[in-house]
Amino acid sequence: MVDLSTQYLGLQLKNPLVASASPLSKKVDTVRRLEDAGASAVVMYSLFEEQISHESRALDHFLSTGTESYAEALTYFPDMQSYNIGPEGYLSLIQKIKSAVSIPVIGSLNGISTGGWVDYAKKIEEAGADALELNIYYVPTSLDLTAQELEQSYVDLVTDVRKQIHIPLAIKLSPYFTALPNLAKRLAGAGANGLVLFNRFYQPDLDVETLEVVPNLVLSTSDELRLPLRWTAILYGRVQADLALTSGVHTAQDVVKAVMAGAKVTMLASALLHHGVGHLTHLLDGLSQWMETYEYTSIQQMCGSMSQQAVAEPAAFERANYMKALQSFDSRKY
């Protein structure tokens, strides 16, 4: 019998399959189903900085204006309540889910700036969350913003959130940084207990008929595993933070690759949205069978066994891999 247990953010988990932030965590019954299917933890759907800021502005408006007045400017805000539950409802949902399941529940804050909204990190902790995932989703468009300034803003934000809470803190990053290892080191130094690799930026599309920019949500595939796999393998053992791999985890073999690269857990959303919650059971069965076939006794034994530090050719994760990929086409007949 193989041991699938792992530790992530100081939490003892029964296996490395974690349901990442998605609409699946918006209902208590669905989270129960995730637990029953084998999820070892669940990351809550994100509470956005804009939601908190919008609620704060609305409250200030109603406290500071007369009952007969009406601020037309309020109509310019997006209807955040229809997009997702509000801040107080979010905290209540955490409490309800915690009472309904025995697996760890990880809260999720999505924001980019320091400010009053980070106080909700403490409120999420008080609601009962076992850990917090800070999802920093930011697309820099200013010509005047330097890479150094952007990275420092990330570090400052992590420092501010860390001051608010005592529970473990994970940072969900994008791969688009000039010197990712250095930033990872600085984030760990600022108080991050874990790094989640990577956030998927949802690229907008253009509707040439209506001449509008439209959102375009496309679920991931296993092909997207390679990018977080590479950086997980490079960072493993070099930063003082647990690594979680997300984006592209769809099959049992994807889970095996992620753990071997150095991930303590793999996080899934697209696979569950596409195949259903029951896909977790299928993945766990496949993972156990693979480990038994190749005589691995535990996840701990596998973890990091194919990281950059462990493989015979560490340069394969760097420029050498690029050159080999190009050379592989030279031998083909066209």
Protein backbone atom coordinates (compact mmCIF):
# COMPACT_ATOMS: atom_id res chain seq x y z
CA MET A 1 0.00 0.00 0.00
CA VAL A 2 1.57 3.27 -1.11
CA ASP A 3 1.58 6.31 1.16
CA LEU A 4 0.00 9.23 -0.69
CA SER A 5 0.23 11.67 2.22
CA THR A 6 2.13 14.94 1.92
CA GLN A 7 2.71 18.16 3.83
CA TYR A 8 1.90 21.56 2.38
CA LEU A 9 2.06 24.86 4.28
CA GLY A 10 2.52 22.87 7.45
CA LEU A 11 -0.78 21.08 6.83
CA GLN A 12 -0.83 17.29 6.84
CA LEU A 13 -2.72 16.20 3.71
CA LYS A 14 -3.91 12.73 2.77
CA ASN A 15 -2.71 13.08 -0.84
CA PRO A 16 -1.27 15.71 -3.21
CA LEU A 17 -4.55 16.56 -4.99
CA VAL A 18 -5.93 19.95 -3.99
CA ALA A 19 -8.96 21.58 -5.57
CA SER A 20 -7.75 25.03 -6.59
CA ALA A 21 -9.78 28.24 -6.63
CA SER A 22 -12.78 27.82 -8.93
CA PRO A 23 -16.59 28.07 -8.92
CA LEU A 24 -16.64 24.58 -7.37
CA SER A 25 -16.03 26.12 -3.93
CA LYS A 26 -19.04 28.42 -4.09
CA LYS A 27 -21.42 25.76 -2.68
CA VAL A 28 -21.03 23.75 0.51
CA ASP A 29 -22.48 20.61 -1.08
CA THR A 30 -19.96 20.74 -3.92
CA VAL A 31 -17.06 21.02 -1.48
CA ARG A 32 -18.44 17.97 0.33
CA ARG A 33 -18.39 16.12 -2.98
CA LEU A 34 -14.79 17.21 -3.55
CA GLU A 35 -13.84 15.77 -0.18
CA ASP A 36 -15.72 12.53 -0.85
CA ALA A 37 -14.01 12.17 -4.24
CA GLY A 38 -10.58 12.45 -2.63
CA ALA A 39 -9.53 16.10 -2.53
CA SER A 40 -7.04 16.60 0.31
CA ALA A 41 -7.81 20.32 0.63
CA VAL A 42 -9.77 23.02 -1.15
CA VAL A 43 -8.80 26.56 -2.08
CA MET A 44 -11.76 28.90 -1.87
CA TYR A 45 -12.96 30.97 -4.77
CA SER A 46 -11.10 34.30 -4.70
CA LEU A 47 -12.31 37.38 -2.89
CA PHE A 48 -11.23 40.30 -5.05
CA GLU A 49 -9.69 43.57 -3.95
CA GLU A 50 -12.22 45.36 -6.16
CA GLN A 51 -15.13 43.78 -4.28
CA ILE A 52 -13.84 44.94 -0.93
CA SER A 53 -13.00 48.41 -2.22
CA HIS A 54 -16.40 48.73 -3.88
CA GLU A 55 -18.21 47.75 -0.70
CA SER A 56 -16.15 50.25 1.28
CA ARG A 57 -16.95 53.05 -1.15
CA ALA A 58 -20.63 52.19 -1.13
CA LEU A 59 -20.73 52.19 2.66
CA ASP A 60 -18.94 55.53 2.82
CA HIS A 61 -21.41 56.93 0.29
CA PHE A 62 -24.50 55.95 2.24
CA LEU A 63 -23.03 57.17 5.51
CA SER A 64 -22.03 60.55 4.12
CA THR A 65 -24.93 61.51 1.83
CA GLY A 66 -28.54 62.40 2.53
CA THR A 67 -31.41 59.98 2.07
CA GLU A 68 -32.84 62.04 -0.79
CA SER A 69 -29.59 62.21 -2.78
CA TYR A 70 -28.29 59.79 -5.37
CA ALA A 71 -24.75 59.43 -6.67
CA GLU A 72 -24.89 58.64 -10.38
CA ALA A 73 -21.21 57.72 -10.33
CA LEU A 74 -22.07 54.53 -8.47
CA THR A 75 -23.58 53.12 -11.66
CA TYR A 76 -20.14 53.07 -13.24
CA PHE A 77 -18.88 50.36 -10.90
CA PRO A 78 -19.21 46.77 -12.16
CA ASP A 79 -21.84 44.72 -10.40
CA MET A 80 -19.38 42.76 -8.26
CA GLN A 81 -22.17 41.06 -6.32
CA SER A 82 -23.40 39.34 -9.48
CA TYR A 83 -19.84 38.32 -10.33
CA ASN A 84 -19.15 36.71 -6.97
CA ILE A 85 -20.46 36.76 -3.42
CA GLY A 86 -19.66 39.84 -1.38
CA PRO A 87 -16.99 40.07 1.33
CA GLU A 88 -19.25 39.25 4.27
CA GLY A 89 -20.92 36.42 2.37
CA TYR A 90 -17.48 35.06 1.54
CA LEU A 91 -16.50 34.94 5.20
CA SER A 92 -19.78 33.25 6.08
CA LEU A 93 -19.22 30.66 3.36
CA ILE A 94 -15.81 29.78 4.79
CA GLN A 95 -17.41 29.16 8.17
CA LYS A 96 -20.10 26.95 6.66
CA ILE A 97 -17.62 24.91 4.63
CA LYS A 98 -15.32 24.47 7.63
CA SER A 99 -18.26 23.07 9.60
CA ALA A 100 -19.19 20.71 6.76
CA VAL A 101 -15.85 19.09 5.85
CA SER A 102 -12.77 17.77 7.61
CA ILE A 103 -10.19 18.67 4.94
CA PRO A 104 -8.24 21.95 5.21
CA VAL A 105 -9.91 25.01 3.70
CA ILE A 106 -7.60 27.62 2.19
CA GLY A 107 -8.95 31.14 1.73
CA SER A 108 -8.07 33.14 -1.38
CA LEU A 109 -7.50 36.88 -1.78
CA ASN A 110 -6.96 38.32 -5.24
CA GLY A 111 -5.39 41.77 -5.39
CA ILE A 112 -2.44 43.85 -6.47
CA SER A 113 -2.04 46.82 -4.13
CA THR A 114 -1.43 47.45 -0.47
CA GLY A 115 -4.25 49.11 1.41
CA GLY A 116 -7.22 48.55 3.67
CA TRP A 117 -8.47 45.53 1.74
CA VAL A 118 -5.63 43.40 3.13
CA ASP A 119 -7.40 43.56 6.51
CA TYR A 120 -9.61 40.84 5.08
CA ALA A 121 -6.68 38.45 5.40
CA LYS A 122 -7.23 38.59 9.16
CA LYS A 123 -10.99 38.22 8.73
CA ILE A 124 -10.48 35.13 6.58
CA GLU A 125 -8.30 33.68 9.33
CA GLU A 126 -10.95 34.50 11.94
CA ALA A 127 -13.59 32.82 9.76
CA GLY A 128 -11.67 29.56 10.23
CA ALA A 129 -9.50 29.20 7.14
CA ASP A 130 -6.52 26.90 7.68
CA ALA A 131 -4.30 28.94 5.34
CA LEU A 132 -4.50 31.82 2.89
CA GLU A 133 -3.57 31.93 -0.78
CA LEU A 134 -2.76 35.41 -2.10
CA ASN A 135 -3.41 35.44 -5.82
CA ILE A 136 -1.50 38.37 -7.32
CA TYR A 137 -3.02 38.83 -10.77
CA TYR A 138 -1.58 41.96 -12.35
CA VAL A 139 -0.89 42.92 -15.95
CA PRO A 140 1.58 45.85 -15.98
CA THR A 141 0.74 48.24 -18.83
CA SER A 142 2.45 51.45 -17.72
CA LEU A 143 5.51 52.47 -19.72
CA ASP A 144 6.95 54.09 -16.61
CA LEU A 145 6.65 51.12 -14.23
CA THR A 146 10.00 49.33 -13.92
CA ALA A 147 10.50 45.64 -13.22
CA GLN A 148 12.19 46.51 -9.94
CA GLU A 149 9.24 48.64 -8.82
CA LEU A 150 6.76 45.94 -9.78
CA GLU A 151 8.60 43.21 -7.92
CA GLN A 152 8.99 45.41 -4.85
CA SER A 153 5.24 46.00 -4.84
CA TYR A 154 4.74 42.22 -4.70
CA VAL A 155 7.14 41.93 -1.77
CA ASP A 156 5.49 44.85 0.03
CA LEU A 157 2.05 43.31 -0.44
CA VAL A 158 3.21 39.96 0.96
CA THR A 159 4.81 41.77 3.92
CA ASP A 160 1.56 43.62 4.64
CA VAL A 161 -0.59 40.50 4.43
CA ARG A 162 1.84 38.50 6.56
CA LYS A 163 1.46 41.09 9.33
CA GLN A 164 -2.28 40.47 9.39
CA ILE A 165 -2.32 36.70 9.90
CA HIS A 166 -0.74 33.84 11.79
CA ILE A 167 -1.96 31.04 9.49
CA PRO A 168 0.26 29.84 6.61
CA LEU A 169 0.45 32.08 3.53
CA ALA A 170 0.91 30.95 -0.07
CA ILE A 171 1.53 33.27 -3.02
CA LYS A 172 0.11 32.43 -6.44
CA LEU A 173 2.39 33.88 -9.11
CA SER A 174 2.53 34.30 -12.84
CA PRO A 175 5.64 33.12 -14.73
CA TYR A 176 6.29 36.52 -16.29
CA PHE A 177 9.24 37.85 -14.34
CA THR A 178 12.75 38.62 -15.51
CA ALA A 179 14.40 36.91 -12.53
CA LEU A 180 11.81 34.60 -11.03
CA PRO A 181 14.17 32.73 -8.65
CA ASN A 182 15.25 35.99 -7.00
CA LEU A 183 11.66 37.13 -6.60
CA ALA A 184 10.73 33.73 -5.16
CA LYS A 185 13.52 34.08 -2.60
CA ARG A 186 12.39 37.60 -1.66
CA LEU A 187 8.76 36.53 -1.27
CA ALA A 188 9.77 33.67 1.02
CA GLY A 189 11.84 36.15 3.01
CA ALA A 190 8.80 38.44 3.28
CA GLY A 191 6.78 35.67 4.90
CA ALA A 192 5.42 33.42 2.18
CA ASN A 193 5.24 29.79 3.31
CA GLY A 194 4.41 28.51 -0.16
CA LEU A 195 4.50 29.43 -3.84
CA VAL A 196 1.82 28.36 -6.30
CA LEU A 197 3.12 28.03 -9.87
CA PHE A 198 1.41 29.46 -11.89
CA ASN A 199 -1.53 31.76 -12.33
CA ARG A 200 -3.12 31.54 -15.79
CA PHE A 201 -3.77 34.95 -17.34
CA TYR A 202 -7.04 34.81 -19.27
CA GLN A 203 -6.34 36.65 -22.48
CA PRO A 204 -9.15 38.81 -23.92
CA ASP A 205 -10.38 38.35 -27.45
CA LEU A 206 -11.64 40.84 -30.04
CA ASP A 207 -15.14 40.66 -31.47
CA VAL A 208 -14.72 42.11 -34.96
CA GLU A 209 -18.49 42.31 -35.47
CA THR A 210 -19.34 44.36 -32.39
CA LEU A 211 -15.89 45.96 -32.14
CA GLU A 212 -15.67 45.01 -28.48
CA VAL A 213 -12.99 43.46 -26.31
CA VAL A 214 -14.54 40.31 -24.85
CA PRO A 215 -13.45 37.90 -22.11
CA ASN A 216 -12.42 34.47 -23.28
CA LEU A 217 -12.13 31.67 -20.74
CA VAL A 218 -10.33 28.59 -22.05
CA LEU A 219 -9.69 25.62 -19.78
CA SER A 220 -6.13 24.34 -19.51
CA THR A 221 -4.73 21.15 -21.06
CA SER A 222 -1.86 18.87 -20.07
CA ASP A 223 0.35 20.72 -22.56
CA GLU A 224 0.41 23.68 -20.16
CA LEU A 225 2.09 21.57 -17.50
CA ARG A 226 5.57 22.09 -18.92
CA LEU A 227 6.03 25.70 -17.85
CA PRO A 228 5.20 25.26 -14.14
CA LEU A 229 6.97 21.88 -14.22
CA ARG A 230 10.21 23.50 -15.31
CA TRP A 231 10.17 26.23 -12.68
CA THR A 232 9.08 23.85 -9.93
CA ALA A 233 12.10 21.71 -10.74
CA ILE A 234 14.40 24.75 -10.74
CA LEU A 235 13.11 26.23 -7.48
CA TYR A 236 12.84 22.98 -5.51
CA GLY A 237 15.28 22.92 -2.61
CA ARG A 238 16.47 26.46 -3.32
CA VAL A 239 13.72 28.56 -1.72
CA GLN A 240 12.40 28.21 1.82
CA ALA A 241 8.82 27.69 0.72
CA ASP A 242 6.64 24.75 -0.27
CA LEU A 243 5.85 24.51 -3.96
CA ALA A 244 2.41 23.85 -5.41
CA LEU A 245 2.04 23.20 -9.12
CA THR A 246 -1.08 24.29 -10.95
CA SER A 247 -2.04 24.72 -14.63
CA GLY A 248 -2.11 21.62 -16.79
CA VAL A 249 -2.74 18.91 -14.18
CA HIS A 250 -5.23 16.58 -15.85
CA THR A 251 -3.89 13.03 -15.64
CA ALA A 252 -2.27 10.78 -13.04
CA GLN A 253 0.98 11.06 -14.99
CA ASP A 254 0.74 14.85 -14.73
CA VAL A 255 0.56 14.46 -10.94
CA VAL A 256 3.59 12.13 -10.97
CA LYS A 257 5.62 14.62 -13.01
CA ALA A 258 4.69 17.51 -10.73
CA VAL A 259 5.66 15.64 -7.56
CA MET A 260 8.91 14.41 -9.08
CA ALA A 261 9.77 17.98 -10.07
CA GLY A 262 9.34 19.03 -6.44
CA ALA A 263 5.70 19.99 -5.90
CA LYS A 264 4.27 19.15 -2.48
CA VAL A 265 0.79 19.31 -4.00
CA THR A 266 -0.86 19.63 -7.38
CA MET A 267 -3.84 21.93 -7.78
CA LEU A 268 -6.70 21.26 -10.17
CA ALA A 269 -9.55 23.36 -11.51
CA SER A 270 -9.87 22.92 -15.30
CA ALA A 271 -9.72 19.12 -15.08
CA LEU A 272 -12.53 19.07 -12.52
CA LEU A 273 -14.65 21.58 -14.42
CA HIS A 274 -14.22 19.51 -17.59
CA HIS A 275 -14.49 15.95 -16.25
CA GLY A 276 -16.45 16.49 -13.05
CA VAL A 277 -15.61 16.13 -9.38
CA GLY A 278 -15.37 12.35 -9.68
CA HIS A 279 -12.21 12.77 -11.76
CA LEU A 280 -10.32 13.09 -8.48
CA THR A 281 -11.00 9.44 -7.67
CA HIS A 282 -9.77 8.41 -11.11
CA LEU A 283 -6.55 10.40 -10.61
CA LEU A 284 -5.89 8.91 -7.19
CA ASP A 285 -6.39 5.37 -8.48
CA GLY A 286 -4.04 6.05 -11.38
CA LEU A 287 -1.44 7.63 -9.09
CA SER A 288 -1.48 4.65 -6.72
CA GLN A 289 -1.23 2.16 -9.58
CA TRP A 290 1.69 4.01 -11.15
CA MET A 291 3.59 4.15 -7.86
CA GLU A 292 3.02 0.46 -7.21
CA THR A 293 4.15 -0.44 -10.73
CA TYR A 294 7.38 1.53 -10.39
CA GLU A 295 7.92 0.55 -6.74
CA TYR A 296 7.56 3.93 -5.10
CA THR A 297 6.35 3.59 -1.52
CA SER A 298 5.45 7.20 -0.76
CA ILE A 299 4.94 10.68 -2.15
CA GLN A 300 7.80 11.82 0.06
CA GLN A 301 10.13 9.39 -1.72
CA MET A 302 9.10 10.78 -5.11
CA CYS A 303 9.10 14.48 -4.26
CA GLY A 304 11.95 16.31 -5.98
CA SER A 305 13.47 13.14 -7.42
CA MET A 306 13.60 14.80 -10.85
CA SER A 307 14.24 18.36 -9.75
CA GLN A 308 17.15 20.28 -11.22
CA GLN A 309 19.26 19.34 -8.23
CA ALA A 310 18.56 15.62 -8.60
CA VAL A 311 18.79 14.88 -12.34
CA ALA A 312 22.01 13.82 -14.06
CA GLU A 313 21.85 16.76 -16.48
CA PRO A 314 20.73 19.89 -14.59
CA ALA A 315 21.30 22.07 -17.66
CA ALA A 316 18.36 20.30 -19.31
CA PHE A 317 16.09 22.73 -17.45
CA GLU A 318 17.97 25.72 -18.84
CA ARG A 319 19.24 26.86 -22.25
CA ALA A 320 20.54 23.42 -23.20
CA ASN A 321 16.99 22.12 -23.38
CA TYR A 322 16.12 24.83 -25.92
CA MET A 323 19.04 23.86 -28.14
CA LYS A 324 18.20 20.16 -27.95
CA ALA A 325 14.61 20.85 -28.89
CA LEU A 326 15.73 22.69 -32.03
CA GLN A 327 18.25 20.00 -32.92
CA SER A 328 15.55 17.33 -32.72
CA PHE A 329 14.02 18.82 -35.85
CA ASP A 330 17.31 18.80 -37.75
CA SER A 331 17.25 15.01 -37.95
CA ARG A 332 13.76 14.85 -39.39
CA LYS A 333 13.02 14.45 -43.07
CA TYR A 334 10.83 17.11 -44.58
